[in-house]
N, C-alpha and C. Protein backbone atom coordinates (compact mmCIF):
# COMPACT_ATOMS: atom_id res chain seq x y z
N MET A 1 -11.89 -45.70 -8.20
CA MET A 1 -12.39 -45.02 -9.35
C MET A 1 -12.95 -45.47 -10.64
N VAL A 2 -12.73 -46.33 -11.12
CA VAL A 2 -13.35 -47.42 -11.69
C VAL A 2 -15.19 -47.48 -11.30
N LEU A 3 -14.75 -48.07 -9.97
CA LEU A 3 -16.38 -48.26 -10.02
C LEU A 3 -17.42 -46.85 -9.69
N ALA A 4 -17.06 -46.02 -8.73
CA ALA A 4 -17.22 -45.20 -8.54
C ALA A 4 -17.95 -44.30 -10.12
N THR A 5 -16.65 -44.11 -11.03
CA THR A 5 -17.33 -43.85 -12.26
C THR A 5 -17.98 -44.22 -13.46
N ALA A 6 -17.78 -45.96 -12.92
CA ALA A 6 -18.98 -46.65 -13.60
C ALA A 6 -21.04 -46.80 -13.27
N VAL A 7 -20.71 -46.01 -11.47
CA VAL A 7 -22.27 -46.17 -11.00
C VAL A 7 -22.72 -44.58 -10.75
N ALA A 8 -21.74 -43.33 -11.18
CA ALA A 8 -22.49 -41.99 -11.67
C ALA A 8 -23.29 -42.55 -12.92
N ASP A 9 -22.18 -43.04 -14.12
CA ASP A 9 -23.09 -43.56 -15.36
C ASP A 9 -23.55 -44.45 -15.02
N GLU A 10 -24.25 -45.04 -14.70
CA GLU A 10 -25.40 -45.93 -14.48
C GLU A 10 -26.36 -45.26 -13.91
N ALA A 11 -25.88 -44.44 -13.08
CA ALA A 11 -27.10 -43.66 -12.38
C ALA A 11 -27.55 -42.83 -13.25
N LYS A 12 -27.17 -42.26 -14.47
CA LYS A 12 -27.61 -41.64 -15.80
C LYS A 12 -28.42 -42.05 -16.56
N HIS A 13 -27.74 -43.31 -16.91
CA HIS A 13 -28.57 -44.23 -17.75
C HIS A 13 -29.94 -44.44 -17.41
N SER A 14 -30.00 -44.71 -16.13
CA SER A 14 -31.20 -45.41 -15.27
C SER A 14 -31.91 -44.09 -15.67
N ALA A 15 -31.90 -42.97 -14.84
CA ALA A 15 -32.66 -41.70 -15.50
C ALA A 15 -33.31 -41.54 -16.53
N VAL A 16 -32.51 -41.76 -17.25
CA VAL A 16 -33.05 -41.51 -19.23
C VAL A 16 -33.80 -42.59 -19.90
N PHE A 17 -33.54 -44.12 -19.13
CA PHE A 17 -34.11 -45.04 -19.80
C PHE A 17 -35.51 -45.11 -18.76
N HIS A 18 -35.33 -44.56 -17.67
CA HIS A 18 -36.52 -44.35 -16.99
C HIS A 18 -38.18 -43.37 -17.40
N HIS A 19 -36.90 -42.50 -18.09
CA HIS A 19 -38.30 -40.92 -18.46
C HIS A 19 -37.87 -41.74 -19.96
N HIS A 20 -37.60 -42.41 -20.51
CA HIS A 20 -38.12 -42.58 -22.16
C HIS A 20 -39.37 -43.72 -21.71
N ALA A 21 -39.33 -44.68 -20.75
CA ALA A 21 -40.15 -45.53 -21.02
C ALA A 21 -41.01 -45.16 -19.57
N HIS A 22 -41.18 -44.07 -18.63
CA HIS A 22 -42.09 -43.31 -18.45
C HIS A 22 -42.98 -42.61 -19.19
N THR A 23 -42.27 -41.67 -20.43
CA THR A 23 -42.96 -41.27 -21.40
C THR A 23 -43.46 -41.90 -22.36
N VAL A 24 -42.98 -42.80 -22.95
CA VAL A 24 -43.78 -43.94 -23.86
C VAL A 24 -44.75 -44.39 -23.39
N ALA A 25 -44.92 -45.15 -22.15
CA ALA A 25 -45.63 -46.78 -21.22
C ALA A 25 -46.78 -45.78 -20.20
N GLY A 26 -46.29 -44.98 -19.65
CA GLY A 26 -47.09 -43.98 -18.68
C GLY A 26 -46.37 -44.41 -17.27
N SER A 27 -45.49 -45.65 -17.01
CA SER A 27 -45.26 -45.76 -16.03
C SER A 27 -44.06 -47.03 -15.82
N VAL A 28 -43.25 -46.85 -15.10
CA VAL A 28 -42.09 -48.09 -15.00
C VAL A 28 -42.01 -49.07 -14.27
N LYS A 29 -41.90 -50.53 -14.31
CA LYS A 29 -42.26 -51.55 -13.50
C LYS A 29 -41.18 -51.68 -12.49
N GLU A 30 -41.54 -52.68 -11.62
CA GLU A 30 -40.56 -52.79 -10.86
C GLU A 30 -39.61 -54.00 -11.08
N PRO A 31 -38.19 -53.55 -11.09
CA PRO A 31 -37.41 -54.69 -11.51
C PRO A 31 -37.71 -56.54 -11.63
N GLY A 32 -37.81 -57.11 -12.30
CA GLY A 32 -37.82 -58.19 -12.30
C GLY A 32 -37.15 -59.29 -11.45
N GLU A 33 -37.69 -60.20 -11.36
CA GLU A 33 -37.01 -61.77 -11.17
C GLU A 33 -35.53 -61.92 -11.61
N ALA A 34 -35.76 -61.69 -12.83
CA ALA A 34 -34.05 -61.46 -13.25
C ALA A 34 -33.22 -60.78 -13.25
N GLN A 35 -33.63 -59.60 -12.63
CA GLN A 35 -33.00 -58.74 -11.99
C GLN A 35 -32.05 -58.76 -10.50
N GLN A 36 -33.36 -59.59 -9.93
CA GLN A 36 -33.51 -59.83 -8.74
C GLN A 36 -32.25 -61.29 -8.80
N GLU A 37 -32.48 -62.10 -9.46
CA GLU A 37 -31.23 -62.97 -9.98
C GLU A 37 -29.94 -62.80 -10.32
N LEU A 38 -29.89 -62.00 -10.97
CA LEU A 38 -28.96 -61.64 -11.27
C LEU A 38 -27.71 -60.94 -9.77
N SER A 39 -28.51 -60.08 -9.18
CA SER A 39 -27.69 -59.51 -8.01
C SER A 39 -27.36 -60.46 -6.81
N ARG A 40 -28.44 -61.73 -6.22
CA ARG A 40 -28.08 -62.48 -5.73
C ARG A 40 -26.81 -63.14 -6.69
N ASP A 41 -26.56 -63.65 -7.90
CA ASP A 41 -25.93 -64.56 -8.37
C ASP A 41 -24.40 -63.25 -8.04
N LEU A 42 -24.33 -62.11 -8.01
CA LEU A 42 -23.25 -61.38 -8.23
C LEU A 42 -23.00 -61.86 -6.62
N TRP A 43 -23.48 -61.20 -5.73
CA TRP A 43 -23.04 -61.23 -4.35
C TRP A 43 -23.23 -63.05 -4.11
N SER A 44 -23.11 -63.42 -4.47
CA SER A 44 -22.35 -64.66 -3.80
C SER A 44 -21.05 -65.16 -4.49
N LEU A 45 -20.41 -64.56 -5.10
CA LEU A 45 -18.99 -64.47 -5.53
C LEU A 45 -18.36 -63.41 -3.86
N ASP A 46 -18.04 -64.52 -3.08
CA ASP A 46 -17.80 -63.93 -2.30
C ASP A 46 -16.53 -63.09 -1.96
N ASP A 47 -16.10 -62.66 -3.14
CA ASP A 47 -14.63 -61.88 -3.52
C ASP A 47 -14.46 -60.58 -4.00
N TYR A 48 -14.17 -59.77 -3.87
CA TYR A 48 -13.91 -58.71 -4.67
C TYR A 48 -13.81 -58.49 -5.92
N THR A 49 -12.62 -59.22 -6.00
CA THR A 49 -12.30 -59.24 -7.13
C THR A 49 -12.80 -60.02 -8.45
N ALA A 50 -13.42 -60.84 -7.83
CA ALA A 50 -14.22 -61.66 -8.78
C ALA A 50 -15.93 -60.77 -9.14
N ARG A 51 -16.26 -60.40 -8.53
CA ARG A 51 -17.00 -59.43 -8.54
C ARG A 51 -16.88 -58.75 -9.84
N PHE A 52 -15.58 -57.88 -9.13
CA PHE A 52 -15.54 -56.94 -10.32
C PHE A 52 -15.03 -57.64 -11.86
N LEU A 53 -14.82 -59.34 -11.72
CA LEU A 53 -14.62 -59.24 -13.38
C LEU A 53 -16.05 -59.34 -13.58
N ALA A 54 -16.67 -60.34 -12.88
CA ALA A 54 -17.75 -60.27 -13.67
C ALA A 54 -18.46 -58.76 -14.44
N HIS A 55 -18.56 -57.48 -13.04
CA HIS A 55 -19.00 -56.59 -13.77
C HIS A 55 -18.33 -56.32 -14.97
N THR A 56 -17.15 -56.16 -15.34
CA THR A 56 -16.43 -56.03 -15.95
C THR A 56 -16.69 -57.19 -17.57
N LEU A 57 -17.11 -57.90 -17.41
CA LEU A 57 -17.48 -58.85 -18.45
C LEU A 57 -18.79 -58.29 -18.95
N ALA A 58 -19.57 -58.49 -17.82
CA ALA A 58 -21.30 -57.52 -17.96
C ALA A 58 -21.27 -56.74 -18.24
N GLU A 59 -20.66 -55.30 -18.47
CA GLU A 59 -20.10 -53.97 -19.13
C GLU A 59 -19.83 -54.71 -20.87
N GLY A 60 -18.96 -55.47 -20.86
CA GLY A 60 -18.15 -56.27 -22.06
C GLY A 60 -19.60 -56.16 -22.78
N PHE A 61 -20.48 -56.92 -22.90
CA PHE A 61 -21.56 -57.47 -23.03
C PHE A 61 -22.63 -56.77 -23.48
N ALA A 62 -22.63 -55.69 -22.40
CA ALA A 62 -23.73 -54.29 -22.81
C ALA A 62 -23.26 -53.43 -23.44
N ALA A 63 -22.18 -53.27 -23.61
CA ALA A 63 -21.68 -52.46 -24.86
C ALA A 63 -21.53 -52.99 -25.90
N ASP A 64 -21.40 -54.65 -25.89
CA ASP A 64 -21.69 -54.89 -27.53
C ASP A 64 -23.09 -55.21 -28.02
N GLU A 65 -23.88 -55.28 -27.09
CA GLU A 65 -25.51 -55.31 -27.16
C GLU A 65 -25.79 -53.85 -28.24
N PHE A 66 -25.42 -53.08 -27.02
CA PHE A 66 -26.13 -50.96 -27.48
C PHE A 66 -25.18 -51.19 -29.26
N ARG A 67 -24.34 -52.04 -29.07
CA ARG A 67 -23.51 -51.37 -30.79
C ARG A 67 -24.69 -51.74 -31.70
N TRP A 68 -25.76 -52.77 -31.39
CA TRP A 68 -26.54 -52.90 -32.53
C TRP A 68 -27.70 -52.32 -32.14
N PHE A 69 -28.54 -51.79 -31.17
CA PHE A 69 -29.30 -51.05 -30.84
C PHE A 69 -28.83 -49.69 -31.24
N VAL A 70 -27.86 -49.47 -31.45
CA VAL A 70 -27.58 -47.53 -31.94
C VAL A 70 -28.55 -47.70 -33.13
N GLU A 71 -28.33 -49.42 -34.39
CA GLU A 71 -28.16 -49.49 -35.62
C GLU A 71 -29.97 -49.23 -35.51
N GLY A 72 -29.99 -50.35 -35.02
CA GLY A 72 -31.34 -50.62 -34.85
C GLY A 72 -32.77 -49.93 -34.55
N LEU A 73 -32.51 -49.20 -33.58
CA LEU A 73 -33.20 -48.01 -33.35
C LEU A 73 -32.60 -46.50 -33.54
N ARG A 74 -32.33 -46.41 -34.57
CA ARG A 74 -32.15 -45.53 -34.88
C ARG A 74 -33.46 -44.21 -35.61
N GLN A 75 -33.79 -45.35 -35.49
CA GLN A 75 -35.27 -44.37 -36.68
C GLN A 75 -36.22 -43.70 -35.87
N ASP A 76 -36.30 -43.99 -34.36
CA ASP A 76 -37.30 -43.94 -33.24
C ASP A 76 -36.40 -42.75 -32.63
N GLY A 77 -35.25 -42.93 -32.57
CA GLY A 77 -34.46 -41.79 -31.31
C GLY A 77 -33.77 -42.32 -30.97
N LEU A 78 -34.10 -43.39 -30.19
CA LEU A 78 -33.50 -43.83 -28.97
C LEU A 78 -32.04 -44.70 -29.59
N GLY A 79 -31.80 -44.65 -30.54
CA GLY A 79 -30.56 -44.81 -31.37
C GLY A 79 -29.21 -44.33 -30.56
N ASP A 80 -29.89 -42.72 -30.79
CA ASP A 80 -28.92 -42.01 -30.50
C ASP A 80 -28.43 -42.04 -28.71
N VAL A 81 -29.56 -42.36 -28.25
CA VAL A 81 -28.85 -42.25 -26.61
C VAL A 81 -28.33 -43.55 -26.65
N TYR A 82 -28.64 -44.59 -27.28
CA TYR A 82 -28.12 -45.63 -27.26
C TYR A 82 -25.95 -45.54 -27.58
N ARG A 83 -26.19 -44.86 -28.21
CA ARG A 83 -24.74 -44.31 -28.98
C ARG A 83 -23.85 -43.90 -27.48
N LEU A 84 -25.15 -42.84 -27.19
CA LEU A 84 -24.05 -42.36 -25.86
C LEU A 84 -23.84 -43.27 -24.29
N VAL A 85 -25.03 -44.17 -24.41
CA VAL A 85 -25.00 -45.22 -23.38
C VAL A 85 -23.57 -46.25 -23.29
N ARG A 86 -23.48 -46.31 -25.06
CA ARG A 86 -22.37 -47.62 -25.37
C ARG A 86 -20.83 -46.81 -25.21
N ARG A 87 -21.14 -45.42 -25.32
CA ARG A 87 -19.95 -44.24 -25.22
C ARG A 87 -19.41 -45.01 -23.73
N ASP A 88 -20.61 -44.87 -22.82
CA ASP A 88 -20.01 -44.69 -21.33
C ASP A 88 -19.97 -46.34 -21.15
N GLU A 89 -20.53 -47.21 -21.35
CA GLU A 89 -20.33 -48.90 -21.36
C GLU A 89 -19.04 -49.42 -21.79
N SER A 90 -18.60 -48.83 -23.02
CA SER A 90 -17.00 -48.87 -23.42
C SER A 90 -15.97 -48.07 -22.72
N ARG A 91 -16.57 -47.43 -22.08
CA ARG A 91 -14.89 -46.69 -21.66
C ARG A 91 -15.31 -47.47 -19.74
N HIS A 92 -16.25 -48.13 -19.43
CA HIS A 92 -16.46 -48.80 -18.03
C HIS A 92 -15.08 -49.55 -18.59
N VAL A 93 -15.73 -50.65 -19.55
CA VAL A 93 -15.10 -51.79 -19.83
C VAL A 93 -13.46 -51.86 -19.88
N ALA A 94 -13.09 -50.21 -20.58
CA ALA A 94 -12.27 -50.32 -20.75
C ALA A 94 -10.80 -49.73 -19.21
N LEU A 95 -11.72 -49.46 -19.05
CA LEU A 95 -11.34 -49.01 -17.47
C LEU A 95 -11.01 -50.03 -16.18
N GLY A 96 -11.67 -50.96 -16.65
CA GLY A 96 -11.87 -52.55 -15.58
C GLY A 96 -11.05 -53.55 -16.42
N MET A 97 -11.04 -53.70 -17.32
CA MET A 97 -9.90 -54.28 -18.24
C MET A 97 -8.58 -53.79 -17.56
N ALA A 98 -7.85 -52.41 -17.68
CA ALA A 98 -7.17 -51.67 -17.70
C ALA A 98 -6.45 -52.57 -15.96
N TYR A 99 -7.50 -52.44 -14.98
CA TYR A 99 -7.48 -52.36 -13.89
C TYR A 99 -6.98 -54.03 -13.66
N LEU A 100 -7.73 -54.83 -13.82
CA LEU A 100 -7.32 -55.82 -13.75
C LEU A 100 -6.15 -56.95 -14.56
N THR A 101 -5.45 -55.76 -15.55
CA THR A 101 -4.53 -56.34 -16.20
C THR A 101 -3.09 -55.59 -15.96
N ARG A 102 -3.52 -54.63 -15.03
CA ARG A 102 -2.37 -53.89 -14.75
C ARG A 102 -1.96 -54.05 -13.19
N GLY A 103 -0.89 -53.20 -12.53
CA GLY A 103 -0.40 -53.21 -11.03
C GLY A 103 -1.12 -54.14 -10.21
N PRO A 104 -2.11 -53.78 -9.06
CA PRO A 104 -2.54 -54.41 -8.29
C PRO A 104 -4.02 -54.85 -8.97
N GLY A 105 -4.61 -54.57 -9.87
CA GLY A 105 -5.90 -55.27 -10.38
C GLY A 105 -5.39 -56.34 -10.72
N ALA A 106 -3.66 -56.68 -11.55
CA ALA A 106 -3.77 -57.40 -12.22
C ALA A 106 -2.75 -58.83 -10.96
N GLU A 107 -2.53 -58.31 -10.43
CA GLU A 107 -1.83 -58.73 -9.38
C GLU A 107 -3.33 -59.71 -8.07
N GLN A 108 -4.48 -58.96 -8.32
CA GLN A 108 -5.78 -59.21 -7.52
C GLN A 108 -5.45 -60.70 -8.40
N LEU A 109 -6.22 -60.47 -9.21
CA LEU A 109 -6.31 -61.76 -10.48
C LEU A 109 -5.68 -63.04 -10.65
N ARG A 110 -4.39 -62.25 -10.58
CA ARG A 110 -3.68 -63.77 -10.40
C ARG A 110 -3.96 -64.62 -9.75
N ARG A 111 -4.11 -63.91 -8.60
CA ARG A 111 -4.07 -64.66 -6.91
C ARG A 111 -5.82 -65.23 -6.96
N LEU A 112 -6.39 -64.83 -7.92
CA LEU A 112 -8.23 -65.33 -7.88
C LEU A 112 -8.15 -66.97 -7.88
N PRO A 113 -8.91 -67.04 -7.04
CA PRO A 113 -9.18 -69.05 -7.08
C PRO A 113 -9.42 -69.25 -8.94
N THR A 114 -9.35 -70.00 -9.41
CA THR A 114 -9.58 -70.68 -10.30
C THR A 114 -11.30 -70.63 -10.50
N ASP A 115 -11.54 -71.73 -10.16
CA ASP A 115 -12.94 -71.54 -9.22
C ASP A 115 -14.02 -70.25 -9.31
N LEU A 116 -13.32 -69.56 -8.19
CA LEU A 116 -14.03 -68.13 -8.87
C LEU A 116 -13.74 -66.97 -10.08
N LEU A 117 -13.04 -66.94 -10.38
CA LEU A 117 -12.56 -66.51 -11.92
C LEU A 117 -13.52 -67.19 -12.72
N LEU A 118 -13.86 -68.42 -12.65
CA LEU A 118 -14.11 -69.29 -13.32
C LEU A 118 -16.33 -68.87 -13.33
N ALA A 119 -16.48 -68.90 -12.18
CA ALA A 119 -17.89 -69.04 -11.65
C ALA A 119 -18.29 -67.45 -11.66
N ALA A 120 -17.40 -66.34 -11.86
CA ALA A 120 -17.50 -65.26 -11.89
C ALA A 120 -17.72 -65.13 -13.91
N GLU A 121 -17.44 -65.93 -14.68
CA GLU A 121 -17.29 -66.27 -15.88
C GLU A 121 -18.87 -66.59 -16.07
N ARG A 122 -19.17 -68.05 -15.83
CA ARG A 122 -20.49 -68.52 -15.47
C ARG A 122 -21.71 -67.61 -15.28
N ILE A 123 -21.28 -67.25 -14.18
CA ILE A 123 -23.06 -65.71 -14.00
C ILE A 123 -22.85 -65.18 -15.18
N VAL A 124 -22.16 -64.70 -15.86
CA VAL A 124 -21.98 -63.58 -16.44
C VAL A 124 -22.84 -64.20 -17.75
N LEU A 125 -22.59 -65.29 -18.45
CA LEU A 125 -23.06 -65.89 -19.98
C LEU A 125 -23.94 -66.59 -19.35
N LYS A 126 -24.67 -67.01 -18.27
CA LYS A 126 -25.65 -67.14 -17.20
C LYS A 126 -27.28 -66.08 -17.91
N HIS A 127 -26.53 -65.01 -17.47
CA HIS A 127 -27.72 -63.73 -17.86
C HIS A 127 -27.41 -62.71 -18.52
N ASN A 128 -26.36 -63.35 -19.86
CA ASN A 128 -26.28 -62.74 -21.28
C ASN A 128 -27.08 -63.82 -22.62
N ASP A 129 -27.66 -63.82 -22.68
CA ASP A 129 -28.83 -64.99 -23.74
C ASP A 129 -28.01 -64.31 -25.18
N VAL A 130 -26.61 -65.18 -25.69
CA VAL A 130 -26.51 -64.40 -26.03
C VAL A 130 -27.45 -64.52 -27.50
N TYR A 131 -28.17 -65.67 -27.94
CA TYR A 131 -28.72 -66.40 -29.35
C TYR A 131 -29.85 -65.61 -28.86
N GLY A 132 -30.60 -65.27 -27.92
CA GLY A 132 -31.97 -64.84 -27.86
C GLY A 132 -31.67 -63.15 -28.17
N LEU A 133 -30.48 -62.50 -27.99
CA LEU A 133 -30.17 -61.02 -28.27
C LEU A 133 -29.85 -61.15 -29.82
N ALA A 134 -29.25 -62.28 -29.93
CA ALA A 134 -29.05 -62.27 -31.51
C ALA A 134 -30.27 -62.22 -32.69
N ALA A 135 -31.45 -63.18 -31.89
CA ALA A 135 -32.50 -63.09 -32.82
C ALA A 135 -33.41 -61.32 -32.30
N LEU A 136 -33.39 -61.16 -31.43
CA LEU A 136 -33.54 -58.98 -31.16
C LEU A 136 -33.40 -58.60 -31.88
N VAL A 137 -31.81 -58.88 -32.29
CA VAL A 137 -31.31 -58.05 -33.73
C VAL A 137 -31.17 -58.33 -34.76
N HIS A 138 -32.03 -59.47 -35.47
CA HIS A 138 -32.43 -59.15 -36.04
C HIS A 138 -33.42 -59.11 -36.66
N ARG A 139 -34.58 -59.30 -35.60
CA ARG A 139 -35.78 -58.22 -35.48
C ARG A 139 -35.51 -57.21 -35.90
N LEU A 140 -34.93 -56.47 -34.95
CA LEU A 140 -34.50 -54.54 -35.28
C LEU A 140 -34.15 -54.38 -36.72
N LEU A 141 -33.02 -55.09 -37.16
CA LEU A 141 -32.42 -55.47 -38.55
C LEU A 141 -32.06 -56.39 -39.66
N PRO A 142 -33.26 -56.79 -40.18
CA PRO A 142 -33.72 -57.64 -40.66
C PRO A 142 -32.77 -58.26 -41.56
N GLY A 143 -31.95 -57.41 -42.04
CA GLY A 143 -30.55 -58.42 -42.64
C GLY A 143 -29.72 -59.06 -42.23
N THR A 144 -29.83 -58.41 -40.93
CA THR A 144 -28.55 -58.53 -40.17
C THR A 144 -29.23 -60.23 -39.98
N SER A 145 -27.88 -61.20 -40.08
CA SER A 145 -27.71 -62.55 -39.48
C SER A 145 -27.85 -62.75 -38.41
N ALA A 146 -29.29 -63.60 -37.49
CA ALA A 146 -28.41 -64.10 -36.14
C ALA A 146 -27.58 -64.95 -35.58
N GLU A 147 -26.85 -65.51 -36.57
CA GLU A 147 -26.10 -66.31 -36.02
C GLU A 147 -24.92 -65.66 -36.38
N LYS A 148 -24.73 -64.49 -37.18
CA LYS A 148 -23.48 -63.57 -37.57
C LYS A 148 -23.25 -62.57 -35.89
N VAL A 149 -24.84 -62.23 -35.16
CA VAL A 149 -23.95 -61.69 -34.42
C VAL A 149 -23.87 -62.55 -33.46
N ALA A 150 -24.84 -63.90 -33.24
CA ALA A 150 -24.13 -64.62 -31.88
C ALA A 150 -22.56 -65.10 -31.75
N ALA A 151 -22.09 -65.41 -32.91
CA ALA A 151 -20.64 -65.46 -33.21
C ALA A 151 -19.88 -64.12 -33.10
N TRP A 152 -20.30 -63.16 -33.83
CA TRP A 152 -19.67 -62.26 -32.79
C TRP A 152 -19.49 -61.72 -31.67
N LEU A 153 -20.75 -61.67 -30.62
CA LEU A 153 -20.59 -61.18 -29.57
C LEU A 153 -19.96 -62.26 -28.37
N LYS A 154 -20.38 -64.05 -29.13
CA LYS A 154 -19.24 -64.67 -28.45
C LYS A 154 -17.62 -64.58 -28.79
N ALA A 155 -17.46 -63.80 -30.13
CA ALA A 155 -15.58 -64.01 -30.41
C ALA A 155 -15.37 -62.44 -29.04
N ARG A 156 -16.16 -61.52 -29.18
CA ARG A 156 -16.26 -60.56 -28.56
C ARG A 156 -15.57 -61.09 -26.81
N HIS A 157 -16.60 -61.53 -26.53
CA HIS A 157 -17.00 -62.00 -24.90
C HIS A 157 -14.88 -62.91 -24.92
N THR A 158 -14.82 -63.38 -26.16
CA THR A 158 -14.16 -64.73 -25.60
C THR A 158 -12.45 -64.06 -26.05
N THR A 159 -12.63 -62.89 -26.85
CA THR A 159 -10.91 -61.81 -26.93
C THR A 159 -11.04 -61.19 -25.18
N ARG A 160 -12.00 -60.74 -25.10
CA ARG A 160 -12.03 -59.99 -23.36
C ARG A 160 -11.49 -61.21 -22.15
N MET A 161 -11.75 -62.45 -22.25
CA MET A 161 -11.38 -62.89 -21.24
C MET A 161 -10.19 -63.96 -21.81
N ARG A 162 -9.39 -63.76 -22.86
CA ARG A 162 -7.90 -63.69 -23.15
C ARG A 162 -6.95 -63.19 -22.54
N VAL A 163 -7.35 -61.61 -22.73
CA VAL A 163 -6.79 -60.47 -22.14
C VAL A 163 -7.00 -60.97 -20.92
N LEU A 164 -7.89 -61.40 -20.18
CA LEU A 164 -7.74 -61.37 -18.69
C LEU A 164 -7.06 -62.28 -18.05
N LEU A 165 -6.92 -63.62 -18.88
CA LEU A 165 -6.55 -64.60 -18.71
C LEU A 165 -5.08 -64.87 -19.01
N ASN A 166 -4.51 -63.92 -20.02
CA ASN A 166 -2.86 -64.03 -20.32
C ASN A 166 -1.97 -63.03 -19.08
N VAL A 167 -3.01 -62.52 -17.91
CA VAL A 167 -2.12 -62.10 -16.85
C VAL A 167 -2.03 -63.09 -15.73
N ARG A 168 -2.34 -64.22 -16.03
CA ARG A 168 -2.12 -65.73 -15.28
C ARG A 168 -1.09 -66.22 -14.98
N ASP A 169 -0.38 -67.23 -14.31
CA ASP A 169 0.45 -67.80 -14.24
C ASP A 169 0.19 -68.96 -14.34
N ASP A 170 -1.52 -69.66 -14.77
CA ASP A 170 -2.13 -70.75 -14.66
C ASP A 170 -2.37 -70.85 -16.05
N ARG A 171 -2.41 -69.89 -17.19
CA ARG A 171 -3.43 -69.56 -18.38
C ARG A 171 -3.12 -70.19 -19.57
N ALA A 172 -2.43 -71.26 -18.97
CA ALA A 172 -2.75 -72.46 -20.19
C ALA A 172 -3.33 -73.45 -19.79
N GLU A 173 -3.87 -73.79 -18.51
CA GLU A 173 -5.28 -74.80 -17.74
C GLU A 173 -6.10 -73.92 -17.85
N LEU A 174 -5.99 -72.52 -17.85
CA LEU A 174 -7.43 -72.00 -17.64
C LEU A 174 -7.89 -71.60 -19.13
N PHE A 175 -7.14 -71.50 -20.23
CA PHE A 175 -7.48 -71.91 -21.45
C PHE A 175 -7.83 -72.81 -21.38
N ARG A 176 -7.33 -74.24 -21.49
CA ARG A 176 -7.74 -75.42 -21.92
C ARG A 176 -9.30 -75.15 -21.09
N ARG A 177 -9.80 -74.83 -19.95
CA ARG A 177 -11.09 -74.96 -18.95
C ARG A 177 -12.04 -73.96 -19.76
N HIS A 178 -11.49 -72.71 -20.02
CA HIS A 178 -12.14 -71.61 -20.57
C HIS A 178 -13.42 -72.26 -21.95
N GLN A 179 -11.90 -73.10 -22.69
CA GLN A 179 -13.26 -73.91 -23.83
C GLN A 179 -14.50 -74.82 -23.35
N HIS A 180 -13.67 -75.34 -22.55
CA HIS A 180 -15.56 -75.84 -21.84
C HIS A 180 -16.13 -75.01 -21.36
N ILE A 181 -16.00 -74.19 -21.23
CA ILE A 181 -17.52 -72.66 -20.74
C ILE A 181 -17.80 -72.59 -22.36
N ARG A 182 -16.62 -72.12 -23.09
CA ARG A 182 -17.54 -71.65 -24.35
C ARG A 182 -18.23 -72.04 -25.22
N GLN A 183 -18.75 -73.73 -24.65
CA GLN A 183 -19.53 -75.14 -24.91
C GLN A 183 -20.92 -74.69 -24.72
N ILE A 184 -20.29 -73.68 -23.35
CA ILE A 184 -21.91 -73.41 -22.61
C ILE A 184 -22.14 -72.45 -23.55
N MET A 185 -22.17 -71.58 -23.93
CA MET A 185 -21.97 -70.23 -24.95
C MET A 185 -22.64 -70.82 -26.05
N GLU A 186 -22.11 -72.09 -26.98
CA GLU A 186 -23.21 -72.68 -27.93
C GLU A 186 -24.47 -73.91 -28.02
N VAL A 187 -24.92 -73.69 -26.46
CA VAL A 187 -26.57 -73.98 -26.27
C VAL A 187 -27.37 -73.27 -26.73
C-alpha cells in the first residue's frame, strides 16, 4: 500500500509539473542521463528491502528540498504547487519509515545484509547533491546561507538513518560505518 500510494501521488506530481513545463517552455524534454543512471543504480540493488529503503531515503531528500522551494518559488505560484507536493512526499517518508521500523518491514530491515543497506544509502547520496541544492536555495533565497541549508539537509538525512539503524541488532557497528558515509556528504 505504501508503494501504491507513492506511485499514484508521483503520477499526479508528474502530470502537474509536465503541464507547467509545457505551458512555460512549450515542450518537455525526455528524461536525461541522470534519471536513467538513478534507475540503473536502484535496480542494481537486487533486494526489495534495499530498494524500498533507497526509495524512502530519496523521498526524504525530496521533501526536504521542497521545503525550500515552497518559500523560494512563492512569487511565481510554484510555491503552492511545491507545498502540496511536499505534503505528499512527507507522507511517503512517514509511511516508508513506519514500514521499515515496525512489524514485518522492520524484520526485513534487520535481515538486510549490511552491505546492501549501506549501498542503498550510497546510491541516494550519489543522486542528491546536497551542496548543489544548497547553492540553488541560496540563489532562490539570497538571505539564506547555503552552508546552513547543506547542514540542515545532512542533519535531516542523518536523523532518518539513525531511526532506521536503531531497529538493527548491529546498530553500533552500523553507526560507526555510517560516520564514514557521512564523510562522503562532506565532499
